[in-house]
Amino acid sequence: GDEEVGEMGPKARAPKAVETMTEYEMEREARLAKNREVLQRLGVPEIVAATRIAGADDGDDDDDDEARRRRERKRKRKARAREPGGGEPARRSTRASTVATRTGRFYV
């Protein structure tokens, strides 16, 4: 109904001025308003507010996990570099030196 629907979060935006909107944009804004109204009637904003804990993260653990994995990989790379011979590749091609030895030709 006639109840006023408030902001639904940080992604909610004010509609553009009507005279500059395309037909698609007007239809989209109407759909968004209808969806906000349905969410409001279902009590979703209150549920979200009630489940948030002060100082808690946004629940997006994927970013935290990815950052933790990056830090761990970086730490392991640094540890390998500190090991004896750790800064060099584990394997090296010997082809160039083998060819030079067999042919007697050395290329610089």
PDB file of N, CA and C in Angstrom:
ATOM      1  N   GLY A   1       0.433  -1.118   0.000  1.00  0.00           N
ATOM      2  CA  GLY A   1       0.000   0.000   0.000  1.00  0.00           C
ATOM      3  C   GLY A   1       0.519   1.341   0.000  1.00  0.00           C
ATOM      4  N   ASP A   2      -0.142   2.111   0.898  1.00  0.00           N
ATOM      5  CA  ASP A   2       0.131   3.537   0.940  1.00  0.00           C
ATOM      6  C   ASP A   2       1.283   3.883   1.871  1.00  0.00           C
ATOM      7  N   GLU A   3       1.857   2.868   2.541  1.00  0.00           N
ATOM      8  CA  GLU A   3       2.939   3.149   3.461  1.00  0.00           C
ATOM      9  C   GLU A   3       4.184   3.596   2.704  1.00  0.00           C
ATOM     10  N   GLU A   4       4.956   4.463   3.339  1.00  0.00           N
ATOM     11  CA  GLU A   4       6.159   4.968   2.700  1.00  0.00           C
ATOM     12  C   GLU A   4       7.272   3.945   2.866  1.00  0.00           C
ATOM     13  N   VAL A   5       7.978   3.688   1.789  1.00  0.00           N
ATOM     14  CA  VAL A   5       9.051   2.718   1.804  1.00  0.00           C
ATOM     15  C   VAL A   5      10.362   3.466   1.925  1.00  0.00           C
ATOM     16  N   GLY A   6      11.158   3.116   2.968  1.00  0.00           N
ATOM     17  CA  GLY A   6      12.433   3.784   3.184  1.00  0.00           C
ATOM     18  C   GLY A   6      13.540   3.127   2.390  1.00  0.00           C
ATOM     19  N   GLU A   7      14.741   3.635   2.595  1.00  0.00           N
ATOM     20  CA  GLU A   7      15.918   3.073   1.916  1.00  0.00           C
ATOM     21  C   GLU A   7      16.089   1.617   2.336  1.00  0.00           C
ATOM     22  N   MET A   8      16.493   0.777   1.417  1.00  0.00           N
ATOM     23  CA  MET A   8      16.675  -0.638   1.697  1.00  0.00           C
ATOM     24  C   MET A   8      18.137  -0.976   1.948  1.00  0.00           C
ATOM     25  N   GLY A   9      18.993   0.000   1.988  1.00  0.00           N
ATOM     26  CA  GLY A   9      20.397  -0.274   2.232  1.00  0.00           C
ATOM     27  C   GLY A   9      21.277   0.605   1.387  1.00  0.00           C
ATOM     28  N   PRO A  10      22.575   0.329   1.381  1.00  0.00           N
ATOM     29  CA  PRO A  10      23.506   1.192   0.679  1.00  0.00           C
ATOM     30  C   PRO A  10      23.363   1.175  -0.834  1.00  0.00           C
ATOM     31  N   LYS A  11      22.723   0.145  -1.382  1.00  0.00           N
ATOM     32  CA  LYS A  11      22.596   0.059  -2.826  1.00  0.00           C
ATOM     33  C   LYS A  11      21.341   0.744  -3.358  1.00  0.00           C
ATOM     34  N   ALA A  12      20.430   1.135  -2.475  1.00  0.00           N
ATOM     35  CA  ALA A  12      19.213   1.800  -2.919  1.00  0.00           C
ATOM     36  C   ALA A  12      19.587   3.181  -3.429  1.00  0.00           C
ATOM     37  N   ARG A  13      19.004   3.561  -4.564  1.00  0.00           N
ATOM     38  CA  ARG A  13      19.323   4.849  -5.171  1.00  0.00           C
ATOM     39  C   ARG A  13      18.058   5.653  -5.395  1.00  0.00           C
ATOM     40  N   ALA A  14      18.221   6.946  -5.416  1.00  0.00           N
ATOM     41  CA  ALA A  14      17.098   7.811  -5.747  1.00  0.00           C
ATOM     42  C   ALA A  14      16.880   7.731  -7.253  1.00  0.00           C
ATOM     43  N   PRO A  15      15.617   7.700  -7.706  1.00  0.00           N
ATOM     44  CA  PRO A  15      15.362   7.636  -9.144  1.00  0.00           C
ATOM     45  C   PRO A  15      15.828   8.916  -9.833  1.00  0.00           C
ATOM     46  N   LYS A  16      16.195   8.789 -11.106  1.00  0.00           N
ATOM     47  CA  LYS A  16      16.601   9.941 -11.901  1.00  0.00           C
ATOM     48  C   LYS A  16      15.389  10.833 -12.140  1.00  0.00           C
ATOM     49  N   ALA A  17      15.661  12.026 -12.590  1.00  0.00           N
ATOM     50  CA  ALA A  17      14.560  12.918 -12.964  1.00  0.00           C
ATOM     51  C   ALA A  17      13.789  12.250 -14.099  1.00  0.00           C
ATOM     52  N   VAL A  18      12.472  12.270 -14.016  1.00  0.00           N
ATOM     53  CA  VAL A  18      11.623  11.540 -14.959  1.00  0.00           C
ATOM     54  C   VAL A  18      11.867  11.969 -16.398  1.00  0.00           C
ATOM     55  N   GLU A  19      12.095  13.249 -16.634  1.00  0.00           N
ATOM     56  CA  GLU A  19      12.235  13.711 -18.017  1.00  0.00           C
ATOM     57  C   GLU A  19      13.507  13.214 -18.693  1.00  0.00           C
ATOM     58  N   THR A  20      14.485  12.749 -17.937  1.00  0.00           N
ATOM     59  CA  THR A  20      15.724  12.269 -18.555  1.00  0.00           C
ATOM     60  C   THR A  20      15.794  10.748 -18.598  1.00  0.00           C
ATOM     61  N   MET A  21      14.757  10.064 -18.124  1.00  0.00           N
ATOM     62  CA  MET A  21      14.784   8.605 -18.073  1.00  0.00           C
ATOM     63  C   MET A  21      14.210   7.997 -19.350  1.00  0.00           C
ATOM     64  N   THR A  22      14.825   6.896 -19.774  1.00  0.00           N
ATOM     65  CA  THR A  22      14.288   6.159 -20.909  1.00  0.00           C
ATOM     66  C   THR A  22      13.099   5.329 -20.424  1.00  0.00           C
ATOM     67  N   GLU A  23      12.376   4.758 -21.373  1.00  0.00           N
ATOM     68  CA  GLU A  23      11.231   3.923 -21.017  1.00  0.00           C
ATOM     69  C   GLU A  23      11.688   2.735 -20.162  1.00  0.00           C
ATOM     70  N   TYR A  24      12.818   2.140 -20.554  1.00  0.00           N
ATOM     71  CA  TYR A  24      13.353   1.004 -19.789  1.00  0.00           C
ATOM     72  C   TYR A  24      13.668   1.427 -18.356  1.00  0.00           C
ATOM     73  N   GLU A  25      14.321   2.582 -18.192  1.00  0.00           N
ATOM     74  CA  GLU A  25      14.681   3.049 -16.855  1.00  0.00           C
ATOM     75  C   GLU A  25      13.446   3.290 -15.998  1.00  0.00           C
ATOM     76  N   MET A  26      12.386   3.843 -16.606  1.00  0.00           N
ATOM     77  CA  MET A  26      11.146   4.074 -15.858  1.00  0.00           C
ATOM     78  C   MET A  26      10.530   2.742 -15.428  1.00  0.00           C
ATOM     79  N   GLU A  27      10.529   1.748 -16.332  1.00  0.00           N
ATOM     80  CA  GLU A  27      10.000   0.424 -15.987  1.00  0.00           C
ATOM     81  C   GLU A  27      10.829  -0.206 -14.875  1.00  0.00           C
ATOM     82  N   ARG A  28      12.138  -0.041 -14.976  1.00  0.00           N
ATOM     83  CA  ARG A  28      13.034  -0.601 -13.960  1.00  0.00           C
ATOM     84  C   ARG A  28      12.781   0.033 -12.601  1.00  0.00           C
ATOM     85  N   GLU A  29      12.668   1.350 -12.561  1.00  0.00           N
ATOM     86  CA  GLU A  29      12.393   2.042 -11.300  1.00  0.00           C
ATOM     87  C   GLU A  29      11.063   1.579 -10.708  1.00  0.00           C
ATOM     88  N   ALA A  30      10.061   1.364 -11.561  1.00  0.00           N
ATOM     89  CA  ALA A  30       8.758   0.886 -11.081  1.00  0.00           C
ATOM     90  C   ALA A  30       8.905  -0.513 -10.478  1.00  0.00           C
ATOM     91  N   ARG A  31       9.688  -1.392 -11.146  1.00  0.00           N
ATOM     92  CA  ARG A  31       9.912  -2.744 -10.614  1.00  0.00           C
ATOM     93  C   ARG A  31      10.644  -2.687  -9.279  1.00  0.00           C
ATOM     94  N   LEU A  32      11.672  -1.827  -9.207  1.00  0.00           N
ATOM     95  CA  LEU A  32      12.424  -1.693  -7.961  1.00  0.00           C
ATOM     96  C   LEU A  32      11.528  -1.207  -6.827  1.00  0.00           C
ATOM     97  N   ALA A  33      10.688  -0.224  -7.111  1.00  0.00           N
ATOM     98  CA  ALA A  33       9.789   0.303  -6.080  1.00  0.00           C
ATOM     99  C   ALA A  33       8.821  -0.787  -5.615  1.00  0.00           C
ATOM    100  N   LYS A  34       8.300  -1.564  -6.575  1.00  0.00           N
ATOM    101  CA  LYS A  34       7.378  -2.648  -6.231  1.00  0.00           C
ATOM    102  C   LYS A  34       8.094  -3.690  -5.370  1.00  0.00           C
ATOM    103  N   ASN A  35       9.325  -4.039  -5.744  1.00  0.00           N
ATOM    104  CA  ASN A  35      10.090  -5.029  -4.969  1.00  0.00           C
ATOM    105  C   ASN A  35      10.402  -4.514  -3.567  1.00  0.00           C
ATOM    106  N   ARG A  36      10.752  -3.225  -3.452  1.00  0.00           N
ATOM    107  CA  ARG A  36      11.003  -2.641  -2.127  1.00  0.00           C
ATOM    108  C   ARG A  36       9.750  -2.727  -1.262  1.00  0.00           C
ATOM    109  N   GLU A  37       8.606  -2.462  -1.873  1.00  0.00           N
ATOM    110  CA  GLU A  37       7.335  -2.512  -1.141  1.00  0.00           C
ATOM    111  C   GLU A  37       7.062  -3.934  -0.642  1.00  0.00           C
ATOM    112  N   VAL A  38       7.295  -4.920  -1.497  1.00  0.00           N
ATOM    113  CA  VAL A  38       7.080  -6.316  -1.105  1.00  0.00           C
ATOM    114  C   VAL A  38       8.019  -6.684   0.045  1.00  0.00           C
ATOM    115  N   LEU A  39       9.287  -6.305  -0.073  1.00  0.00           N
ATOM    116  CA  LEU A  39      10.247  -6.594   0.995  1.00  0.00           C
ATOM    117  C   LEU A  39       9.822  -5.922   2.297  1.00  0.00           C
ATOM    118  N   GLN A  40       9.330  -4.695   2.203  1.00  0.00           N
ATOM    119  CA  GLN A  40       8.876  -3.959   3.381  1.00  0.00           C
ATOM    120  C   GLN A  40       7.691  -4.682   4.040  1.00  0.00           C
ATOM    121  N   ARG A  41       6.736  -5.125   3.216  1.00  0.00           N
ATOM    122  CA  ARG A  41       5.574  -5.829   3.755  1.00  0.00           C
ATOM    123  C   ARG A  41       5.961  -7.139   4.417  1.00  0.00           C
ATOM    124  N   LEU A  42       6.998  -7.790   3.896  1.00  0.00           N
ATOM    125  CA  LEU A  42       7.469  -9.045   4.481  1.00  0.00           C
ATOM    126  C   LEU A  42       8.321  -8.822   5.722  1.00  0.00           C
ATOM    127  N   GLY A  43       8.682  -7.581   5.996  1.00  0.00           N
ATOM    128  CA  GLY A  43       9.462  -7.261   7.177  1.00  0.00           C
ATOM    129  C   GLY A  43      10.953  -7.515   7.029  1.00  0.00           C
ATOM    130  N   VAL A  44      11.419  -7.591   5.802  1.00  0.00           N
ATOM    131  CA  VAL A  44      12.832  -7.897   5.573  1.00  0.00           C
ATOM    132  C   VAL A  44      13.763  -6.841   6.180  1.00  0.00           C
ATOM    133  N   PRO A  45      13.498  -5.551   6.027  1.00  0.00           N
ATOM    134  CA  PRO A  45      14.424  -4.569   6.615  1.00  0.00           C
ATOM    135  C   PRO A  45      14.557  -4.717   8.133  1.00  0.00           C
ATOM    136  N   GLU A  46      13.453  -5.020   8.803  1.00  0.00           N
ATOM    137  CA  GLU A  46      13.500  -5.199  10.252  1.00  0.00           C
ATOM    138  C   GLU A  46      14.293  -6.445  10.620  1.00  0.00           C
ATOM    139  N   ILE A  47      14.126  -7.513   9.822  1.00  0.00           N
ATOM    140  CA  ILE A  47      14.864  -8.751  10.079  1.00  0.00           C
ATOM    141  C   ILE A  47      16.353  -8.515   9.906  1.00  0.00           C
ATOM    142  N   VAL A  48      16.719  -7.800   8.840  1.00  0.00           N
ATOM    143  CA  VAL A  48      18.130  -7.500   8.589  1.00  0.00           C
ATOM    144  C   VAL A  48      18.696  -6.674   9.738  1.00  0.00           C
ATOM    145  N   ALA A  49      17.962  -5.640  10.150  1.00  0.00           N
ATOM    146  CA  ALA A  49      18.436  -4.780  11.237  1.00  0.00           C
ATOM    147  C   ALA A  49      18.564  -5.563  12.536  1.00  0.00           C
ATOM    148  N   ALA A  50      17.649  -6.483  12.790  1.00  0.00           N
ATOM    149  CA  ALA A  50      17.670  -7.254  14.033  1.00  0.00           C
ATOM    150  C   ALA A  50      18.802  -8.274  14.057  1.00  0.00           C
ATOM    151  N   THR A  51      19.218  -8.734  12.891  1.00  0.00           N
ATOM    152  CA  THR A  51      20.263  -9.753  12.852  1.00  0.00           C
ATOM    153  C   THR A  51      21.664  -9.175  12.812  1.00  0.00           C
ATOM    154  N   ARG A  52      21.779  -7.893  12.585  1.00  0.00           N
ATOM    155  CA  ARG A  52      23.104  -7.267  12.575  1.00  0.00           C
ATOM    156  C   ARG A  52      23.582  -7.046  13.991  1.00  0.00           C
ATOM    157  N   ILE A  53      24.842  -7.300  14.214  1.00  0.00           N
ATOM    158  CA  ILE A  53      25.443  -7.092  15.515  1.00  0.00           C
ATOM    159  C   ILE A  53      26.383  -5.914  15.396  1.00  0.00           C
ATOM    160  N   ALA A  54      26.342  -5.025  16.362  1.00  0.00           N
ATOM    161  CA  ALA A  54      27.199  -3.843  16.316  1.00  0.00           C
ATOM    162  C   ALA A  54      28.649  -4.269  16.196  1.00  0.00           C
ATOM    163  N   GLY A  55      29.352  -3.669  15.239  1.00  0.00           N
ATOM    164  CA  GLY A  55      30.759  -3.951  15.043  1.00  0.00           C
ATOM    165  C   GLY A  55      31.033  -5.218  14.266  1.00  0.00           C
ATOM    166  N   ALA A  56      30.004  -5.962  13.891  1.00  0.00           N
ATOM    167  CA  ALA A  56      30.220  -7.191  13.129  1.00  0.00           C
ATOM    168  C   ALA A  56      30.466  -6.843  11.679  1.00  0.00           C
ATOM    169  N   ASP A  57      31.089  -7.790  10.955  1.00  0.00           N
ATOM    170  CA  ASP A  57      31.320  -7.534   9.543  1.00  0.00           C
ATOM    171  C   ASP A  57      30.015  -7.661   8.787  1.00  0.00           C
ATOM    172  N   ASP A  58      30.095  -7.443   7.473  1.00  0.00           N
ATOM    173  CA  ASP A  58      28.900  -7.452   6.650  1.00  0.00           C
ATOM    174  C   ASP A  58      28.465  -8.857   6.252  1.00  0.00           C
ATOM    175  N   GLY A  59      29.124  -9.871   6.770  1.00  0.00           N
ATOM    176  CA  GLY A  59      28.757 -11.239   6.446  1.00  0.00           C
ATOM    177  C   GLY A  59      29.406 -11.732   5.173  1.00  0.00           C
ATOM    178  N   ASP A  60      30.205 -10.916   4.536  1.00  0.00           N
ATOM    179  CA  ASP A  60      30.850 -11.306   3.297  1.00  0.00           C
ATOM    180  C   ASP A  60      32.201 -11.931   3.618  1.00  0.00           C
ATOM    181  N   ASP A  61      32.169 -13.193   4.028  1.00  0.00           N
ATOM    182  CA  ASP A  61      33.384 -13.890   4.436  1.00  0.00           C
ATOM    183  C   ASP A  61      34.254 -14.254   3.250  1.00  0.00           C
ATOM    184  N   ASP A  62      33.695 -14.272   2.027  1.00  0.00           N
ATOM    185  CA  ASP A  62      34.479 -14.638   0.861  1.00  0.00           C
ATOM    186  C   ASP A  62      35.673 -13.710   0.695  1.00  0.00           C
ATOM    187  N   ASP A  63      35.463 -12.398   0.846  1.00  0.00           N
ATOM    188  CA  ASP A  63      36.553 -11.442   0.704  1.00  0.00           C
ATOM    189  C   ASP A  63      37.589 -11.659   1.801  1.00  0.00           C
ATOM    190  N   ASP A  64      37.124 -11.909   3.023  1.00  0.00           N
ATOM    191  CA  ASP A  64      38.046 -12.145   4.128  1.00  0.00           C
ATOM    192  C   ASP A  64      38.862 -13.408   3.881  1.00  0.00           C
ATOM    193  N   ASP A  65      38.205 -14.462   3.396  1.00  0.00           N
ATOM    194  CA  ASP A  65      38.902 -15.715   3.116  1.00  0.00           C
ATOM    195  C   ASP A  65      39.931 -15.522   2.021  1.00  0.00           C
ATOM    196  N   GLU A  66      39.562 -14.797   0.986  1.00  0.00           N
ATOM    197  CA  GLU A  66      40.486 -14.567  -0.125  1.00  0.00           C
ATOM    198  C   GLU A  66      41.685 -13.756   0.338  1.00  0.00           C
ATOM    199  N   ALA A  67      41.457 -12.740   1.125  1.00  0.00           N
ATOM    200  CA  ALA A  67      42.556 -11.920   1.646  1.00  0.00           C
ATOM    201  C   ALA A  67      43.474 -12.768   2.527  1.00  0.00           C
ATOM    202  N   ARG A  68      42.890 -13.634   3.341  1.00  0.00           N
ATOM    203  CA  ARG A  68      43.679 -14.508   4.201  1.00  0.00           C
ATOM    204  C   ARG A  68      44.512 -15.462   3.350  1.00  0.00           C
ATOM    205  N   ARG A  69      43.925 -16.022   2.283  1.00  0.00           N
ATOM    206  CA  ARG A  69      44.675 -16.929   1.405  1.00  0.00           C
ATOM    207  C   ARG A  69      45.825 -16.198   0.719  1.00  0.00           C
ATOM    208  N   ARG A  70      45.587 -14.962   0.270  1.00  0.00           N
ATOM    209  CA  ARG A  70      46.661 -14.182  -0.362  1.00  0.00           C
ATOM    210  C   ARG A  70      47.798 -13.928   0.614  1.00  0.00           C
ATOM    211  N   ARG A  71      47.448 -13.548   1.845  1.00  0.00           N
ATOM    212  CA  ARG A  71      48.492 -13.309   2.853  1.00  0.00           C
ATOM    213  C   ARG A  71      49.289 -14.581   3.124  1.00  0.00           C
ATOM    214  N   GLU A  72      48.611 -15.714   3.200  1.00  0.00           N
ATOM    215  CA  GLU A  72      49.276 -16.983   3.468  1.00  0.00           C
ATOM    216  C   GLU A  72      50.219 -17.350   2.316  1.00  0.00           C
ATOM    217  N   ARG A  73      49.769 -17.177   1.066  1.00  0.00           N
ATOM    218  CA  ARG A  73      50.635 -17.469  -0.085  1.00  0.00           C
ATOM    219  C   ARG A  73      51.867 -16.568  -0.076  1.00  0.00           C
ATOM    220  N   LYS A  74      51.664 -15.295   0.229  1.00  0.00           N
ATOM    221  CA  LYS A  74      52.776 -14.350   0.269  1.00  0.00           C
ATOM    222  C   LYS A  74      53.767 -14.748   1.369  1.00  0.00           C
ATOM    223  N   ARG A  75      53.260 -15.129   2.529  1.00  0.00           N
ATOM    224  CA  ARG A  75      54.117 -15.551   3.636  1.00  0.00           C
ATOM    225  C   ARG A  75      54.928 -16.783   3.250  1.00  0.00           C
ATOM    226  N   LYS A  76      54.290 -17.737   2.575  1.00  0.00           N
ATOM    227  CA  LYS A  76      54.993 -18.952   2.162  1.00  0.00           C
ATOM    228  C   LYS A  76      56.064 -18.642   1.122  1.00  0.00           C
ATOM    229  N   ARG A  77      55.771 -17.745   0.178  1.00  0.00           N
ATOM    230  CA  ARG A  77      56.782 -17.367  -0.815  1.00  0.00           C
ATOM    231  C   ARG A  77      57.995 -16.743  -0.144  1.00  0.00           C
ATOM    232  N   LYS A  78      57.752 -15.866   0.827  1.00  0.00           N
ATOM    233  CA  LYS A  78      58.861 -15.226   1.544  1.00  0.00           C
ATOM    234  C   LYS A  78      59.669 -16.258   2.305  1.00  0.00           C
ATOM    235  N   ALA A  79      59.003 -17.229   2.926  1.00  0.00           N
ATOM    236  CA  ALA A  79      59.699 -18.269   3.684  1.00  0.00           C
ATOM    237  C   ALA A  79      60.561 -19.112   2.746  1.00  0.00           C
ATOM    238  N   ARG A  80      60.031 -19.445   1.560  1.00  0.00           N
ATOM    239  CA  ARG A  80      60.818 -20.224   0.596  1.00  0.00           C
ATOM    240  C   ARG A  80      62.030 -19.440   0.126  1.00  0.00           C
ATOM    241  N   ALA A  81      61.886 -18.137  -0.053  1.00  0.00           N
ATOM    242  CA  ALA A  81      62.999 -17.308  -0.525  1.00  0.00           C
ATOM    243  C   ALA A  81      64.103 -17.251   0.526  1.00  0.00           C
ATOM    244  N   ARG A  82      63.761 -17.373   1.813  1.00  0.00           N
ATOM    245  CA  ARG A  82      64.765 -17.336   2.883  1.00  0.00           C
ATOM    246  C   ARG A  82      65.523 -18.645   3.015  1.00  0.00           C
ATOM    247  N   GLU A  83      64.967 -19.743   2.507  1.00  0.00           N
ATOM    248  CA  GLU A  83      65.628 -21.044   2.591  1.00  0.00           C
ATOM    249  C   GLU A  83      66.860 -21.041   1.690  1.00  0.00           C
ATOM    250  N   PRO A  84      67.851 -21.872   2.014  1.00  0.00           N
ATOM    251  CA  PRO A  84      69.034 -21.957   1.150  1.00  0.00           C
ATOM    252  C   PRO A  84      68.627 -22.368  -0.264  1.00  0.00           C
ATOM    253  N   GLY A  85      69.028 -21.574  -1.234  1.00  0.00           N
ATOM    254  CA  GLY A  85      68.663 -21.863  -2.626  1.00  0.00           C
ATOM    255  C   GLY A  85      67.209 -21.615  -2.914  1.00  0.00           C
ATOM    256  N   GLY A  86      66.499 -21.047  -1.956  1.00  0.00           N
ATOM    257  CA  GLY A  86      65.065 -20.850  -2.110  1.00  0.00           C
ATOM    258  C   GLY A  86      64.699 -19.755  -3.084  1.00  0.00           C
ATOM    259  N   GLY A  87      65.610 -18.833  -3.327  1.00  0.00           N
ATOM    260  CA  GLY A  87      65.297 -17.746  -4.245  1.00  0.00           C
ATOM    261  C   GLY A  87      65.437 -18.141  -5.698  1.00  0.00           C
ATOM    262  N   GLU A  88      66.044 -19.315  -5.954  1.00  0.00           N
ATOM    263  CA  GLU A  88      66.253 -19.774  -7.318  1.00  0.00           C
ATOM    264  C   GLU A  88      65.210 -20.816  -7.680  1.00  0.00           C
ATOM    265  N   PRO A  89      64.949 -20.975  -8.964  1.00  0.00           N
ATOM    266  CA  PRO A  89      63.994 -22.012  -9.383  1.00  0.00           C
ATOM    267  C   PRO A  89      64.503 -23.392  -8.979  1.00  0.00           C
ATOM    268  N   ALA A  90      63.601 -24.308  -8.742  1.00  0.00           N
ATOM    269  CA  ALA A  90      63.964 -25.659  -8.329  1.00  0.00           C
ATOM    270  C   ALA A  90      64.628 -26.417  -9.471  1.00  0.00           C
ATOM    271  N   ARG A  91      64.280 -26.081 -10.733  1.00  0.00           N
ATOM    272  CA  ARG A  91      64.839 -26.782 -11.883  1.00  0.00           C
ATOM    273  C   ARG A  91      65.399 -25.776 -12.869  1.00  0.00           C
ATOM    274  N   ARG A  92      66.406 -26.201 -13.613  1.00  0.00           N
ATOM    275  CA  ARG A  92      66.991 -25.372 -14.659  1.00  0.00           C
ATOM    276  C   ARG A  92      67.225 -26.219 -15.892  1.00  0.00           C
ATOM    277  N   SER A  93      67.086 -25.598 -17.033  1.00  0.00           N
ATOM    278  CA  SER A  93      67.387 -26.301 -18.273  1.00  0.00           C
ATOM    279  C   SER A  93      68.895 -26.431 -18.413  1.00  0.00           C
ATOM    280  N   THR A  94      69.348 -27.610 -18.806  1.00  0.00           N
ATOM    281  CA  THR A  94      70.778 -27.796 -19.044  1.00  0.00           C
ATOM    282  C   THR A  94      71.062 -27.901 -20.528  1.00  0.00           C
ATOM    283  N   ARG A  95      70.063 -27.729 -21.343  1.00  0.00           N
ATOM    284  CA  ARG A  95      70.204 -27.917 -22.789  1.00  0.00           C
ATOM    285  C   ARG A  95      71.288 -27.025 -23.367  1.00  0.00           C
ATOM    286  N   ALA A  96      71.252 -25.732 -23.071  1.00  0.00           N
ATOM    287  CA  ALA A  96      72.211 -24.806 -23.670  1.00  0.00           C
ATOM    288  C   ALA A  96      73.639 -25.199 -23.320  1.00  0.00           C
ATOM    289  N   SER A  97      73.894 -25.555 -22.078  1.00  0.00           N
ATOM    290  CA  SER A  97      75.256 -25.918 -21.703  1.00  0.00           C
ATOM    291  C   SER A  97      75.647 -27.261 -22.298  1.00  0.00           C
ATOM    292  N   THR A  98      74.696 -28.184 -22.444  1.00  0.00           N
ATOM    293  CA  THR A  98      74.976 -29.483 -23.042  1.00  0.00           C
ATOM    294  C   THR A  98      75.316 -29.327 -24.513  1.00  0.00           C
ATOM    295  N   VAL A  99      74.538 -28.522 -25.219  1.00  0.00           N
ATOM    296  CA  VAL A  99      74.778 -28.292 -26.641  1.00  0.00           C
ATOM    297  C   VAL A  99      76.135 -27.627 -26.826  1.00  0.00           C
ATOM    298  N   ALA A 100      76.449 -26.638 -25.999  1.00  0.00           N
ATOM    299  CA  ALA A 100      77.716 -25.929 -26.128  1.00  0.00           C
ATOM    300  C   ALA A 100      78.889 -26.868 -25.864  1.00  0.00           C
ATOM    301  N   THR A 101      78.750 -27.764 -24.920  1.00  0.00           N
ATOM    302  CA  THR A 101      79.821 -28.695 -24.581  1.00  0.00           C
ATOM    303  C   THR A 101      80.054 -29.682 -25.726  1.00  0.00           C
ATOM    304  N   ARG A 102      78.971 -30.203 -26.288  1.00  0.00           N
ATOM    305  CA  ARG A 102      79.098 -31.199 -27.357  1.00  0.00           C
ATOM    306  C   ARG A 102      79.655 -30.604 -28.641  1.00  0.00           C
ATOM    307  N   THR A 103      79.216 -29.393 -28.964  1.00  0.00           N
ATOM    308  CA  THR A 103      79.606 -28.808 -30.246  1.00  0.00           C
ATOM    309  C   THR A 103      80.868 -27.974 -30.146  1.00  0.00           C
ATOM    310  N   GLY A 104      81.223 -27.593 -28.950  1.00  0.00           N
ATOM    311  CA  GLY A 104      82.377 -26.732 -28.805  1.00  0.00           C
ATOM    312  C   GLY A 104      82.059 -25.278 -29.133  1.00  0.00           C
ATOM    313  N   ARG A 105      80.810 -24.972 -29.418  1.00  0.00           N
ATOM    314  CA  ARG A 105      80.401 -23.608 -29.730  1.00  0.00           C
ATOM    315  C   ARG A 105      79.711 -23.012 -28.518  1.00  0.00           C
ATOM    316  N   PHE A 106      80.161 -21.880 -28.095  1.00  0.00           N
ATOM    317  CA  PHE A 106      79.571 -21.212 -26.937  1.00  0.00           C
ATOM    318  C   PHE A 106      78.930 -19.927 -27.407  1.00  0.00           C
ATOM    319  N   TYR A 107      77.663 -19.758 -27.107  1.00  0.00           N
ATOM    320  CA  TYR A 107      76.934 -18.555 -27.496  1.00  0.00           C
ATOM    321  C   TYR A 107      76.707 -17.709 -26.280  1.00  0.00           C
ATOM    322  N   VAL A 108      76.962 -16.444 -26.433  1.00  0.00           N
ATOM    323  CA  VAL A 108      76.776 -15.534 -25.315  1.00  0.00           C
ATOM    324  C   VAL A 108      75.593 -14.648 -25.609  1.00  0.00           C
TER     325      VAL A 108
END
